Amino acid sequence: MKQLTIQSGSLKMLARINESPTAKAIWEILPVSGPASVWGDEIYFSIPVQHSEADNAVAEVEVGTLAYWPPGSAFCIFWGPTPVSTSGKPKAYSPVNILGEIIGDATLFDSIKPGQIVTVSAN
């Protein structure tokens, strides 16, 4: 797996990204930045990648999951429940393509405020 750095303000986290077609398409456009939208314990922002829903797309994910949300062309970071969660696990509004995972304590993303710029770059 390749590694990414995700940074916003003073927060800087490492992540692993898989070799899926969606992840490869995102890797090719790095670095990418955008203003964070916050939805429960998820942040997301639109990126210039258009990819369809993968055959293995899922709605319920693990804490620390990085994903791509096809309807919004968005890069997503999950660290806890969202408004549609039915358990303590994160759940996307609709199925997402899994990209990878945060290395370390994903709950630190709770400090990111709506509109705060998030930058994802290759290591």
PDB file of N, CA and C in Angstrom:
ATOM      1  N   MET A   1       0.836  -1.192   0.000  1.00  0.00           N
ATOM      2  CA  MET A   1       0.000   0.000   0.000  1.00  0.00           C
ATOM      3  C   MET A   1       0.875   1.247   0.000  1.00  0.00           C
ATOM      4  N   LYS A   2       0.415   2.254  -0.706  1.00  0.00           N
ATOM      5  CA  LYS A   2       1.106   3.539  -0.719  1.00  0.00           C
ATOM      6  C   LYS A   2       0.652   4.349   0.488  1.00  0.00           C
ATOM      7  N   GLN A   3       1.469   5.365   0.841  1.00  0.00           N
ATOM      8  CA  GLN A   3       1.122   6.208   1.982  1.00  0.00           C
ATOM      9  C   GLN A   3       0.772   7.618   1.549  1.00  0.00           C
ATOM     10  N   LEU A   4      -0.165   8.201   2.296  1.00  0.00           N
ATOM     11  CA  LEU A   4      -0.610   9.576   2.106  1.00  0.00           C
ATOM     12  C   LEU A   4      -0.357  10.362   3.375  1.00  0.00           C
ATOM     13  N   THR A   5      -0.313  11.681   3.232  1.00  0.00           N
ATOM     14  CA  THR A   5      -0.377  12.582   4.368  1.00  0.00           C
ATOM     15  C   THR A   5      -1.658  13.382   4.219  1.00  0.00           C
ATOM     16  N   ILE A   6      -2.416  13.469   5.298  1.00  0.00           N
ATOM     17  CA  ILE A   6      -3.636  14.270   5.323  1.00  0.00           C
ATOM     18  C   ILE A   6      -3.415  15.354   6.358  1.00  0.00           C
ATOM     19  N   GLN A   7      -3.550  16.609   5.932  1.00  0.00           N
ATOM     20  CA  GLN A   7      -3.237  17.728   6.815  1.00  0.00           C
ATOM     21  C   GLN A   7      -4.350  18.760   6.784  1.00  0.00           C
ATOM     22  N   SER A   8      -4.641  19.303   7.962  1.00  0.00           N
ATOM     23  CA  SER A   8      -5.594  20.398   8.088  1.00  0.00           C
ATOM     24  C   SER A   8      -5.222  21.174   9.336  1.00  0.00           C
ATOM     25  N   GLY A   9      -4.860  22.436   9.162  1.00  0.00           N
ATOM     26  CA  GLY A   9      -4.390  23.217  10.298  1.00  0.00           C
ATOM     27  C   GLY A   9      -3.175  22.550  10.903  1.00  0.00           C
ATOM     28  N   SER A  10      -3.178  22.361  12.220  1.00  0.00           N
ATOM     29  CA  SER A  10      -2.036  21.734  12.896  1.00  0.00           C
ATOM     30  C   SER A  10      -2.113  20.205  12.886  1.00  0.00           C
ATOM     31  N   LEU A  11      -3.218  19.650  12.405  1.00  0.00           N
ATOM     32  CA  LEU A  11      -3.368  18.195  12.358  1.00  0.00           C
ATOM     33  C   LEU A  11      -2.686  17.633  11.117  1.00  0.00           C
ATOM     34  N   LYS A  12      -1.840  16.640  11.326  1.00  0.00           N
ATOM     35  CA  LYS A  12      -1.143  15.977  10.224  1.00  0.00           C
ATOM     36  C   LYS A  12      -1.148  14.483  10.516  1.00  0.00           C
ATOM     37  N   MET A  13      -1.798  13.712   9.634  1.00  0.00           N
ATOM     38  CA  MET A  13      -1.940  12.273   9.840  1.00  0.00           C
ATOM     39  C   MET A  13      -1.442  11.513   8.620  1.00  0.00           C
ATOM     40  N   LEU A  14      -0.936  10.315   8.868  1.00  0.00           N
ATOM     41  CA  LEU A  14      -0.544   9.419   7.782  1.00  0.00           C
ATOM     42  C   LEU A  14      -1.678   8.441   7.514  1.00  0.00           C
ATOM     43  N   ALA A  15      -1.727   7.966   6.283  1.00  0.00           N
ATOM     44  CA  ALA A  15      -2.744   6.989   5.900  1.00  0.00           C
ATOM     45  C   ALA A  15      -2.165   6.049   4.859  1.00  0.00           C
ATOM     46  N   ARG A  16      -2.785   4.875   4.750  1.00  0.00           N
ATOM     47  CA  ARG A  16      -2.442   3.910   3.700  1.00  0.00           C
ATOM     48  C   ARG A  16      -3.559   3.931   2.668  1.00  0.00           C
ATOM     49  N   ILE A  17      -3.185   3.830   1.394  1.00  0.00           N
ATOM     50  CA  ILE A  17      -4.172   3.786   0.321  1.00  0.00           C
ATOM     51  C   ILE A  17      -3.988   2.487  -0.449  1.00  0.00           C
ATOM     52  N   ASN A  18      -5.087   1.862  -0.818  1.00  0.00           N
ATOM     53  CA  ASN A  18      -5.027   0.561  -1.486  1.00  0.00           C
ATOM     54  C   ASN A  18      -4.744   0.707  -2.986  1.00  0.00           C
ATOM     55  N   GLU A  19      -4.828  -0.392  -3.697  1.00  0.00           N
ATOM     56  CA  GLU A  19      -4.508  -0.409  -5.132  1.00  0.00           C
ATOM     57  C   GLU A  19      -5.758  -0.509  -6.012  1.00  0.00           C
ATOM     58  N   SER A  20      -6.908  -0.146  -5.474  1.00  0.00           N
ATOM     59  CA  SER A  20      -8.147  -0.210  -6.251  1.00  0.00           C
ATOM     60  C   SER A  20      -8.112   0.805  -7.397  1.00  0.00           C
ATOM     61  N   PRO A  21      -8.924   0.609  -8.427  1.00  0.00           N
ATOM     62  CA  PRO A  21      -8.966   1.580  -9.527  1.00  0.00           C
ATOM     63  C   PRO A  21      -9.292   2.998  -9.055  1.00  0.00           C
ATOM     64  N   THR A  22     -10.201   3.124  -8.096  1.00  0.00           N
ATOM     65  CA  THR A  22     -10.545   4.455  -7.585  1.00  0.00           C
ATOM     66  C   THR A  22      -9.354   5.072  -6.868  1.00  0.00           C
ATOM     67  N   ALA A  23      -8.679   4.298  -6.025  1.00  0.00           N
ATOM     68  CA  ALA A  23      -7.511   4.803  -5.299  1.00  0.00           C
ATOM     69  C   ALA A  23      -6.407   5.214  -6.266  1.00  0.00           C
ATOM     70  N   LYS A  24      -6.198   4.439  -7.314  1.00  0.00           N
ATOM     71  CA  LYS A  24      -5.174   4.784  -8.307  1.00  0.00           C
ATOM     72  C   LYS A  24      -5.511   6.093  -9.011  1.00  0.00           C
ATOM     73  N   ALA A  25      -6.782   6.303  -9.331  1.00  0.00           N
ATOM     74  CA  ALA A  25      -7.198   7.550  -9.984  1.00  0.00           C
ATOM     75  C   ALA A  25      -6.959   8.749  -9.068  1.00  0.00           C
ATOM     76  N   ILE A  26      -7.227   8.581  -7.785  1.00  0.00           N
ATOM     77  CA  ILE A  26      -6.998   9.666  -6.831  1.00  0.00           C
ATOM     78  C   ILE A  26      -5.507   9.910  -6.650  1.00  0.00           C
ATOM     79  N   TRP A  27      -4.716   8.849  -6.567  1.00  0.00           N
ATOM     80  CA  TRP A  27      -3.263   8.980  -6.425  1.00  0.00           C
ATOM     81  C   TRP A  27      -2.687   9.852  -7.542  1.00  0.00           C
ATOM     82  N   GLU A  28      -3.213   9.692  -8.749  1.00  0.00           N
ATOM     83  CA  GLU A  28      -2.704  10.425  -9.914  1.00  0.00           C
ATOM     84  C   GLU A  28      -2.951  11.929  -9.839  1.00  0.00           C
ATOM     85  N   ILE A  29      -3.930  12.387  -9.059  1.00  0.00           N
ATOM     86  CA  ILE A  29      -4.239  13.821  -9.012  1.00  0.00           C
ATOM     87  C   ILE A  29      -3.688  14.509  -7.759  1.00  0.00           C
ATOM     88  N   LEU A  30      -3.003  13.746  -6.906  1.00  0.00           N
ATOM     89  CA  LEU A  30      -2.453  14.332  -5.673  1.00  0.00           C
ATOM     90  C   LEU A  30      -1.332  15.305  -5.968  1.00  0.00           C
ATOM     91  N   PRO A  31      -1.182  16.363  -5.170  1.00  0.00           N
ATOM     92  CA  PRO A  31      -1.972  16.706  -3.987  1.00  0.00           C
ATOM     93  C   PRO A  31      -3.318  17.324  -4.373  1.00  0.00           C
ATOM     94  N   VAL A  32      -4.266  17.183  -3.461  1.00  0.00           N
ATOM     95  CA  VAL A  32      -5.597  17.748  -3.659  1.00  0.00           C
ATOM     96  C   VAL A  32      -6.061  18.347  -2.329  1.00  0.00           C
ATOM     97  N   SER A  33      -6.764  19.470  -2.421  1.00  0.00           N
ATOM     98  CA  SER A  33      -7.261  20.153  -1.225  1.00  0.00           C
ATOM     99  C   SER A  33      -8.712  20.546  -1.423  1.00  0.00           C
ATOM    100  N   GLY A  34      -9.399  20.731  -0.311  1.00  0.00           N
ATOM    101  CA  GLY A  34     -10.770  21.212  -0.377  1.00  0.00           C
ATOM    102  C   GLY A  34     -11.276  21.586   0.992  1.00  0.00           C
ATOM    103  N   PRO A  35     -12.348  22.380   1.021  1.00  0.00           N
ATOM    104  CA  PRO A  35     -12.957  22.759   2.297  1.00  0.00           C
ATOM    105  C   PRO A  35     -13.773  21.596   2.862  1.00  0.00           C
ATOM    106  N   ALA A  36     -13.553  21.301   4.118  1.00  0.00           N
ATOM    107  CA  ALA A  36     -14.214  20.165   4.760  1.00  0.00           C
ATOM    108  C   ALA A  36     -15.698  20.419   4.966  1.00  0.00           C
ATOM    109  N   SER A  37     -16.482  19.434   4.602  1.00  0.00           N
ATOM    110  CA  SER A  37     -17.875  19.354   5.037  1.00  0.00           C
ATOM    111  C   SER A  37     -17.878  18.329   6.159  1.00  0.00           C
ATOM    112  N   VAL A  38     -18.607  18.617   7.220  1.00  0.00           N
ATOM    113  CA  VAL A  38     -18.644  17.723   8.376  1.00  0.00           C
ATOM    114  C   VAL A  38     -20.053  17.145   8.488  1.00  0.00           C
ATOM    115  N   TRP A  39     -20.138  15.818   8.602  1.00  0.00           N
ATOM    116  CA  TRP A  39     -21.424  15.125   8.716  1.00  0.00           C
ATOM    117  C   TRP A  39     -21.281  14.063   9.791  1.00  0.00           C
ATOM    118  N   GLY A  40     -21.680  14.398  11.002  1.00  0.00           N
ATOM    119  CA  GLY A  40     -21.425  13.504  12.128  1.00  0.00           C
ATOM    120  C   GLY A  40     -19.929  13.372  12.308  1.00  0.00           C
ATOM    121  N   ASP A  41     -19.446  12.156  12.437  1.00  0.00           N
ATOM    122  CA  ASP A  41     -18.011  11.914  12.581  1.00  0.00           C
ATOM    123  C   ASP A  41     -17.411  11.495  11.242  1.00  0.00           C
ATOM    124  N   GLU A  42     -17.670  12.327  10.248  1.00  0.00           N
ATOM    125  CA  GLU A  42     -17.116  12.167   8.901  1.00  0.00           C
ATOM    126  C   GLU A  42     -16.810  13.550   8.358  1.00  0.00           C
ATOM    127  N   ILE A  43     -15.675  13.657   7.669  1.00  0.00           N
ATOM    128  CA  ILE A  43     -15.437  14.849   6.860  1.00  0.00           C
ATOM    129  C   ILE A  43     -15.307  14.388   5.421  1.00  0.00           C
ATOM    130  N   TYR A  44     -15.712  15.262   4.525  1.00  0.00           N
ATOM    131  CA  TYR A  44     -15.592  14.955   3.101  1.00  0.00           C
ATOM    132  C   TYR A  44     -15.440  16.254   2.331  1.00  0.00           C
ATOM    133  N   PHE A  45     -14.841  16.149   1.151  1.00  0.00           N
ATOM    134  CA  PHE A  45     -14.737  17.292   0.251  1.00  0.00           C
ATOM    135  C   PHE A  45     -14.636  16.782  -1.173  1.00  0.00           C
ATOM    136  N   SER A  46     -15.157  17.575  -2.097  1.00  0.00           N
ATOM    137  CA  SER A  46     -15.156  17.188  -3.510  1.00  0.00           C
ATOM    138  C   SER A  46     -13.750  17.221  -4.075  1.00  0.00           C
ATOM    139  N   ILE A  47     -13.474  16.263  -4.953  1.00  0.00           N
ATOM    140  CA  ILE A  47     -12.182  16.189  -5.636  1.00  0.00           C
ATOM    141  C   ILE A  47     -12.435  16.022  -7.131  1.00  0.00           C
ATOM    142  N   PRO A  48     -11.445  16.365  -7.964  1.00  0.00           N
ATOM    143  CA  PRO A  48     -11.637  16.281  -9.418  1.00  0.00           C
ATOM    144  C   PRO A  48     -11.435  14.873  -9.981  1.00  0.00           C
ATOM    145  N   VAL A  49     -12.169  13.916  -9.435  1.00  0.00           N
ATOM    146  CA  VAL A  49     -12.139  12.530  -9.910  1.00  0.00           C
ATOM    147  C   VAL A  49     -13.586  12.081 -10.076  1.00  0.00           C
ATOM    148  N   GLN A  50     -13.891  11.521 -11.222  1.00  0.00           N
ATOM    149  CA  GLN A  50     -15.219  10.949 -11.477  1.00  0.00           C
ATOM    150  C   GLN A  50     -15.056   9.435 -11.562  1.00  0.00           C
ATOM    151  N   HIS A  51     -15.624   8.724 -10.611  1.00  0.00           N
ATOM    152  CA  HIS A  51     -15.531   7.266 -10.612  1.00  0.00           C
ATOM    153  C   HIS A  51     -16.880   6.705 -10.217  1.00  0.00           C
ATOM    154  N   SER A  52     -17.262   5.611 -10.814  1.00  0.00           N
ATOM    155  CA  SER A  52     -18.543   4.992 -10.478  1.00  0.00           C
ATOM    156  C   SER A  52     -18.402   4.147  -9.213  1.00  0.00           C
ATOM    157  N   GLU A  53     -19.548   3.737  -8.699  1.00  0.00           N
ATOM    158  CA  GLU A  53     -19.557   2.895  -7.513  1.00  0.00           C
ATOM    159  C   GLU A  53     -18.911   1.549  -7.834  1.00  0.00           C
ATOM    160  N   ALA A  54     -17.968   1.139  -7.006  1.00  0.00           N
ATOM    161  CA  ALA A  54     -17.278  -0.141  -7.198  1.00  0.00           C
ATOM    162  C   ALA A  54     -18.213  -1.304  -6.861  1.00  0.00           C
ATOM    163  N   ASP A  55     -17.924  -2.464  -7.418  1.00  0.00           N
ATOM    164  CA  ASP A  55     -18.723  -3.662  -7.130  1.00  0.00           C
ATOM    165  C   ASP A  55     -18.706  -4.010  -5.644  1.00  0.00           C
ATOM    166  N   ASN A  56     -17.614  -3.669  -4.964  1.00  0.00           N
ATOM    167  CA  ASN A  56     -17.488  -3.990  -3.541  1.00  0.00           C
ATOM    168  C   ASN A  56     -17.736  -2.773  -2.644  1.00  0.00           C
ATOM    169  N   ALA A  57     -18.427  -1.759  -3.153  1.00  0.00           N
ATOM    170  CA  ALA A  57     -18.738  -0.569  -2.357  1.00  0.00           C
ATOM    171  C   ALA A  57     -19.630  -0.957  -1.174  1.00  0.00           C
ATOM    172  N   VAL A  58     -19.448  -0.252  -0.063  1.00  0.00           N
ATOM    173  CA  VAL A  58     -20.210  -0.525   1.158  1.00  0.00           C
ATOM    174  C   VAL A  58     -20.658   0.789   1.785  1.00  0.00           C
ATOM    175  N   ALA A  59     -21.681   0.726   2.620  1.00  0.00           N
ATOM    176  CA  ALA A  59     -22.124   1.919   3.338  1.00  0.00           C
ATOM    177  C   ALA A  59     -21.537   1.948   4.748  1.00  0.00           C
ATOM    178  N   GLU A  60     -21.550   0.808   5.449  1.00  0.00           N
ATOM    179  CA  GLU A  60     -20.994   0.770   6.802  1.00  0.00           C
ATOM    180  C   GLU A  60     -19.507   0.470   6.717  1.00  0.00           C
ATOM    181  N   VAL A  61     -18.712   1.300   7.394  1.00  0.00           N
ATOM    182  CA  VAL A  61     -17.251   1.193   7.325  1.00  0.00           C
ATOM    183  C   VAL A  61     -16.670   1.153   8.735  1.00  0.00           C
ATOM    184  N   GLU A  62     -15.372   1.004   8.808  1.00  0.00           N
ATOM    185  CA  GLU A  62     -14.668   0.987  10.091  1.00  0.00           C
ATOM    186  C   GLU A  62     -14.178   2.392  10.442  1.00  0.00           C
ATOM    187  N   VAL A  63     -13.952   2.626  11.729  1.00  0.00           N
ATOM    188  CA  VAL A  63     -13.322   3.868  12.173  1.00  0.00           C
ATOM    189  C   VAL A  63     -11.961   3.972  11.496  1.00  0.00           C
ATOM    190  N   GLY A  64     -11.654   5.130  10.933  1.00  0.00           N
ATOM    191  CA  GLY A  64     -10.378   5.350  10.264  1.00  0.00           C
ATOM    192  C   GLY A  64     -10.396   5.068   8.778  1.00  0.00           C
ATOM    193  N   THR A  65     -11.547   4.689   8.241  1.00  0.00           N
ATOM    194  CA  THR A  65     -11.646   4.377   6.814  1.00  0.00           C
ATOM    195  C   THR A  65     -11.554   5.634   5.959  1.00  0.00           C
ATOM    196  N   LEU A  66     -10.791   5.531   4.878  1.00  0.00           N
ATOM    197  CA  LEU A  66     -10.782   6.537   3.812  1.00  0.00           C
ATOM    198  C   LEU A  66     -11.632   5.969   2.687  1.00  0.00           C
ATOM    199  N   ALA A  67     -12.467   6.805   2.095  1.00  0.00           N
ATOM    200  CA  ALA A  67     -13.354   6.313   1.047  1.00  0.00           C
ATOM    201  C   ALA A  67     -13.622   7.406   0.021  1.00  0.00           C
ATOM    202  N   TYR A  68     -14.178   6.973  -1.093  1.00  0.00           N
ATOM    203  CA  TYR A  68     -14.624   7.875  -2.155  1.00  0.00           C
ATOM    204  C   TYR A  68     -16.128   7.692  -2.294  1.00  0.00           C
ATOM    205  N   TRP A  69     -16.856   8.816  -2.264  1.00  0.00           N
ATOM    206  CA  TRP A  69     -18.312   8.794  -2.387  1.00  0.00           C
ATOM    207  C   TRP A  69     -18.685   9.202  -3.805  1.00  0.00           C
ATOM    208  N   PRO A  70     -19.065   8.247  -4.665  1.00  0.00           N
ATOM    209  CA  PRO A  70     -19.317   8.552  -6.077  1.00  0.00           C
ATOM    210  C   PRO A  70     -20.349   9.647  -6.356  1.00  0.00           C
ATOM    211  N   PRO A  71     -21.517   9.688  -5.667  1.00  0.00           N
ATOM    212  CA  PRO A  71     -22.491  10.732  -6.016  1.00  0.00           C
ATOM    213  C   PRO A  71     -21.974  12.161  -5.831  1.00  0.00           C
ATOM    214  N   GLY A  72     -21.058  12.359  -4.885  1.00  0.00           N
ATOM    215  CA  GLY A  72     -20.520  13.693  -4.634  1.00  0.00           C
ATOM    216  C   GLY A  72     -19.096  13.882  -5.101  1.00  0.00           C
ATOM    217  N   SER A  73     -18.539  12.888  -5.784  1.00  0.00           N
ATOM    218  CA  SER A  73     -17.117  12.924  -6.184  1.00  0.00           C
ATOM    219  C   SER A  73     -16.269  13.391  -5.006  1.00  0.00           C
ATOM    220  N   ALA A  74     -16.466  12.762  -3.863  1.00  0.00           N
ATOM    221  CA  ALA A  74     -15.871  13.257  -2.625  1.00  0.00           C
ATOM    222  C   ALA A  74     -14.919  12.260  -1.974  1.00  0.00           C
ATOM    223  N   PHE A  75     -13.849  12.821  -1.400  1.00  0.00           N
ATOM    224  CA  PHE A  75     -12.892  12.097  -0.567  1.00  0.00           C
ATOM    225  C   PHE A  75     -13.446  12.156   0.853  1.00  0.00           C
ATOM    226  N   CYS A  76     -13.564  11.015   1.512  1.00  0.00           N
ATOM    227  CA  CYS A  76     -14.196  10.934   2.830  1.00  0.00           C
ATOM    228  C   CYS A  76     -13.262  10.316   3.861  1.00  0.00           C
ATOM    229  N   ILE A  77     -13.355  10.837   5.079  1.00  0.00           N
ATOM    230  CA  ILE A  77     -12.621  10.288   6.220  1.00  0.00           C
ATOM    231  C   ILE A  77     -13.642  10.037   7.328  1.00  0.00           C
ATOM    232  N   PHE A  78     -13.704   8.801   7.804  1.00  0.00           N
ATOM    233  CA  PHE A  78     -14.666   8.415   8.844  1.00  0.00           C
ATOM    234  C   PHE A  78     -13.936   8.127  10.151  1.00  0.00           C
ATOM    235  N   TRP A  79     -14.461   8.657  11.264  1.00  0.00           N
ATOM    236  CA  TRP A  79     -13.864   8.345  12.565  1.00  0.00           C
ATOM    237  C   TRP A  79     -14.906   8.007  13.630  1.00  0.00           C
ATOM    238  N   GLY A  80     -16.165   7.926  13.259  1.00  0.00           N
ATOM    239  CA  GLY A  80     -17.209   7.578  14.217  1.00  0.00           C
ATOM    240  C   GLY A  80     -18.570   7.603  13.549  1.00  0.00           C
ATOM    241  N   PRO A  81     -19.634   7.517  14.349  1.00  0.00           N
ATOM    242  CA  PRO A  81     -20.982   7.462  13.789  1.00  0.00           C
ATOM    243  C   PRO A  81     -21.351   8.715  12.987  1.00  0.00           C
ATOM    244  N   THR A  82     -22.205   8.508  12.010  1.00  0.00           N
ATOM    245  CA  THR A  82     -22.778   9.594  11.208  1.00  0.00           C
ATOM    246  C   THR A  82     -24.284   9.624  11.494  1.00  0.00           C
ATOM    247  N   PRO A  83     -25.001  10.617  10.982  1.00  0.00           N
ATOM    248  CA  PRO A  83     -26.445  10.676  11.246  1.00  0.00           C
ATOM    249  C   PRO A  83     -27.244   9.447  10.801  1.00  0.00           C
ATOM    250  N   VAL A  84     -26.726   8.637   9.876  1.00  0.00           N
ATOM    251  CA  VAL A  84     -27.462   7.437   9.445  1.00  0.00           C
ATOM    252  C   VAL A  84     -26.919   6.146  10.060  1.00  0.00           C
ATOM    253  N   SER A  85     -25.963   6.248  10.968  1.00  0.00           N
ATOM    254  CA  SER A  85     -25.427   5.052  11.629  1.00  0.00           C
ATOM    255  C   SER A  85     -26.516   4.382  12.457  1.00  0.00           C
ATOM    256  N   THR A  86     -26.523   3.058  12.423  1.00  0.00           N
ATOM    257  CA  THR A  86     -27.473   2.288  13.227  1.00  0.00           C
ATOM    258  C   THR A  86     -26.765   1.549  14.361  1.00  0.00           C
ATOM    259  N   SER A  87     -25.458   1.756  14.446  1.00  0.00           N
ATOM    260  CA  SER A  87     -24.646   1.182  15.517  1.00  0.00           C
ATOM    261  C   SER A  87     -23.573   2.221  15.823  1.00  0.00           C
ATOM    262  N   GLY A  88     -22.564   1.844  16.549  1.00  0.00           N
ATOM    263  CA  GLY A  88     -21.474   2.766  16.847  1.00  0.00           C
ATOM    264  C   GLY A  88     -20.506   2.942  15.694  1.00  0.00           C
ATOM    265  N   LYS A  89     -20.739   2.214  14.597  1.00  0.00           N
ATOM    266  CA  LYS A  89     -19.826   2.258  13.454  1.00  0.00           C
ATOM    267  C   LYS A  89     -20.206   3.392  12.502  1.00  0.00           C
ATOM    268  N   PRO A  90     -19.208   3.919  11.792  1.00  0.00           N
ATOM    269  CA  PRO A  90     -19.509   4.923  10.770  1.00  0.00           C
ATOM    270  C   PRO A  90     -20.348   4.316   9.646  1.00  0.00           C
ATOM    271  N   LYS A  91     -21.231   5.132   9.098  1.00  0.00           N
ATOM    272  CA  LYS A  91     -22.027   4.693   7.958  1.00  0.00           C
ATOM    273  C   LYS A  91     -22.180   5.858   6.990  1.00  0.00           C
ATOM    274  N   ALA A  92     -21.839   5.608   5.742  1.00  0.00           N
ATOM    275  CA  ALA A  92     -21.971   6.627   4.704  1.00  0.00           C
ATOM    276  C   ALA A  92     -23.441   6.780   4.322  1.00  0.00           C
ATOM    277  N   TYR A  93     -23.774   7.913   3.724  1.00  0.00           N
ATOM    278  CA  TYR A  93     -25.138   8.169   3.271  1.00  0.00           C
ATOM    279  C   TYR A  93     -25.575   7.132   2.238  1.00  0.00           C
ATOM    280  N   SER A  94     -24.635   6.752   1.383  1.00  0.00           N
ATOM    281  CA  SER A  94     -24.848   5.705   0.385  1.00  0.00           C
ATOM    282  C   SER A  94     -23.506   5.009   0.183  1.00  0.00           C
ATOM    283  N   PRO A  95     -23.468   3.880  -0.526  1.00  0.00           N
ATOM    284  CA  PRO A  95     -22.212   3.126  -0.630  1.00  0.00           C
ATOM    285  C   PRO A  95     -21.023   3.949  -1.128  1.00  0.00           C
ATOM    286  N   VAL A  96     -19.868   3.643  -0.531  1.00  0.00           N
ATOM    287  CA  VAL A  96     -18.608   4.309  -0.865  1.00  0.00           C
ATOM    288  C   VAL A  96     -17.590   3.272  -1.322  1.00  0.00           C
ATOM    289  N   ASN A  97     -16.627   3.733  -2.105  1.00  0.00           N
ATOM    290  CA  ASN A  97     -15.505   2.894  -2.530  1.00  0.00           C
ATOM    291  C   ASN A  97     -14.406   3.039  -1.483  1.00  0.00           C
ATOM    292  N   ILE A  98     -13.991   1.939  -0.890  1.00  0.00           N
ATOM    293  CA  ILE A  98     -12.949   1.978   0.139  1.00  0.00           C
ATOM    294  C   ILE A  98     -11.603   2.283  -0.517  1.00  0.00           C
ATOM    295  N   LEU A  99     -10.897   3.267   0.062  1.00  0.00           N
ATOM    296  CA  LEU A  99      -9.587   3.683  -0.449  1.00  0.00           C
ATOM    297  C   LEU A  99      -8.442   3.228   0.438  1.00  0.00           C
ATOM    298  N   GLY A 100      -8.670   3.182   1.744  1.00  0.00           N
ATOM    299  CA  GLY A 100      -7.589   2.848   2.660  1.00  0.00           C
ATOM    300  C   GLY A 100      -7.970   3.173   4.082  1.00  0.00           C
ATOM    301  N   GLU A 101      -6.940   3.508   4.888  1.00  0.00           N
ATOM    302  CA  GLU A 101      -7.177   3.729   6.311  1.00  0.00           C
ATOM    303  C   GLU A 101      -6.167   4.696   6.896  1.00  0.00           C
ATOM    304  N   ILE A 102      -6.613   5.369   7.944  1.00  0.00           N
ATOM    305  CA  ILE A 102      -5.752   6.261   8.711  1.00  0.00           C
ATOM    306  C   ILE A 102      -4.795   5.412   9.536  1.00  0.00           C
ATOM    307  N   ILE A 103      -3.562   5.868   9.663  1.00  0.00           N
ATOM    308  CA  ILE A 103      -2.584   5.245  10.551  1.00  0.00           C
ATOM    309  C   ILE A 103      -2.604   6.068  11.837  1.00  0.00           C
ATOM    310  N   GLY A 104      -3.039   5.474  12.931  1.00  0.00           N
ATOM    311  CA  GLY A 104      -3.098   6.215  14.189  1.00  0.00           C
ATOM    312  C   GLY A 104      -4.533   6.502  14.607  1.00  0.00           C
ATOM    313  N   ASP A 105      -4.697   7.507  15.449  1.00  0.00           N
ATOM    314  CA  ASP A 105      -5.980   7.831  16.073  1.00  0.00           C
ATOM    315  C   ASP A 105      -6.845   8.700  15.160  1.00  0.00           C
ATOM    316  N   ALA A 106      -7.748   8.069  14.437  1.00  0.00           N
ATOM    317  CA  ALA A 106      -8.604   8.798  13.492  1.00  0.00           C
ATOM    318  C   ALA A 106      -9.533   9.783  14.188  1.00  0.00           C
ATOM    319  N   THR A 107      -9.803   9.588  15.485  1.00  0.00           N
ATOM    320  CA  THR A 107     -10.710  10.507  16.175  1.00  0.00           C
ATOM    321  C   THR A 107     -10.137  11.915  16.285  1.00  0.00           C
ATOM    322  N   LEU A 108      -8.848  12.089  15.995  1.00  0.00           N
ATOM    323  CA  LEU A 108      -8.254  13.430  15.998  1.00  0.00           C
ATOM    324  C   LEU A 108      -8.877  14.320  14.923  1.00  0.00           C
ATOM    325  N   PHE A 109      -9.511  13.716  13.916  1.00  0.00           N
ATOM    326  CA  PHE A 109     -10.181  14.510  12.882  1.00  0.00           C
ATOM    327  C   PHE A 109     -11.396  15.248  13.433  1.00  0.00           C
ATOM    328  N   ASP A 110     -11.812  14.929  14.637  1.00  0.00           N
ATOM    329  CA  ASP A 110     -12.922  15.623  15.280  1.00  0.00           C
ATOM    330  C   ASP A 110     -12.625  17.113  15.468  1.00  0.00           C
ATOM    331  N   SER A 111     -11.349  17.489  15.423  1.00  0.00           N
ATOM    332  CA  SER A 111     -10.964  18.897  15.603  1.00  0.00           C
ATOM    333  C   SER A 111     -11.181  19.735  14.345  1.00  0.00           C
ATOM    334  N   ILE A 112     -11.446  19.110  13.215  1.00  0.00           N
ATOM    335  CA  ILE A 112     -11.615  19.845  11.957  1.00  0.00           C
ATOM    336  C   ILE A 112     -13.014  20.445  11.897  1.00  0.00           C
ATOM    337  N   LYS A 113     -13.070  21.720  11.564  1.00  0.00           N
ATOM    338  CA  LYS A 113     -14.326  22.460  11.507  1.00  0.00           C
ATOM    339  C   LYS A 113     -14.813  22.581  10.062  1.00  0.00           C
ATOM    340  N   PRO A 114     -16.123  22.754   9.872  1.00  0.00           N
ATOM    341  CA  PRO A 114     -16.651  22.942   8.517  1.00  0.00           C
ATOM    342  C   PRO A 114     -15.948  24.098   7.800  1.00  0.00           C
ATOM    343  N   GLY A 115     -15.574  23.870   6.561  1.00  0.00           N
ATOM    344  CA  GLY A 115     -14.903  24.895   5.766  1.00  0.00           C
ATOM    345  C   GLY A 115     -13.395  24.917   5.909  1.00  0.00           C
ATOM    346  N   GLN A 116     -12.869  24.239   6.917  1.00  0.00           N
ATOM    347  CA  GLN A 116     -11.419  24.182   7.111  1.00  0.00           C
ATOM    348  C   GLN A 116     -10.805  23.404   5.946  1.00  0.00           C
ATOM    349  N   ILE A 117      -9.695  23.892   5.416  1.00  0.00           N
ATOM    350  CA  ILE A 117      -9.065  23.259   4.255  1.00  0.00           C
ATOM    351  C   ILE A 117      -8.336  21.984   4.677  1.00  0.00           C
ATOM    352  N   VAL A 118      -8.607  20.924   3.941  1.00  0.00           N
ATOM    353  CA  VAL A 118      -7.955  19.629   4.140  1.00  0.00           C
ATOM    354  C   VAL A 118      -7.122  19.352   2.891  1.00  0.00           C
ATOM    355  N   THR A 119      -5.870  18.946   3.082  1.00  0.00           N
ATOM    356  CA  THR A 119      -4.979  18.634   1.961  1.00  0.00           C
ATOM    357  C   THR A 119      -4.528  17.185   2.067  1.00  0.00           C
ATOM    358  N   VAL A 120      -4.637  16.478   0.955  1.00  0.00           N
ATOM    359  CA  VAL A 120      -4.185  15.095   0.860  1.00  0.00           C
ATOM    360  C   VAL A 120      -3.032  15.071  -0.125  1.00  0.00           C
ATOM    361  N   SER A 121      -1.887  14.540   0.300  1.00  0.00           N
ATOM    362  CA  SER A 121      -0.713  14.499  -0.576  1.00  0.00           C
ATOM    363  C   SER A 121      -0.039  13.136  -0.492  1.00  0.00           C
ATOM    364  N   ALA A 122       0.700  12.804  -1.532  1.00  0.00           N
ATOM    365  CA  ALA A 122       1.427  11.538  -1.594  1.00  0.00           C
ATOM    366  C   ALA A 122       2.688  11.625  -0.757  1.00  0.00           C
ATOM    367  N   ASN A 123       3.088  10.507  -0.178  1.00  0.00           N
ATOM    368  CA  ASN A 123       4.364  10.443   0.555  1.00  0.00           C
ATOM    369  C   ASN A 123       5.427   9.851  -0.339  1.00  0.00           C
TER     370      ASN A 123
END
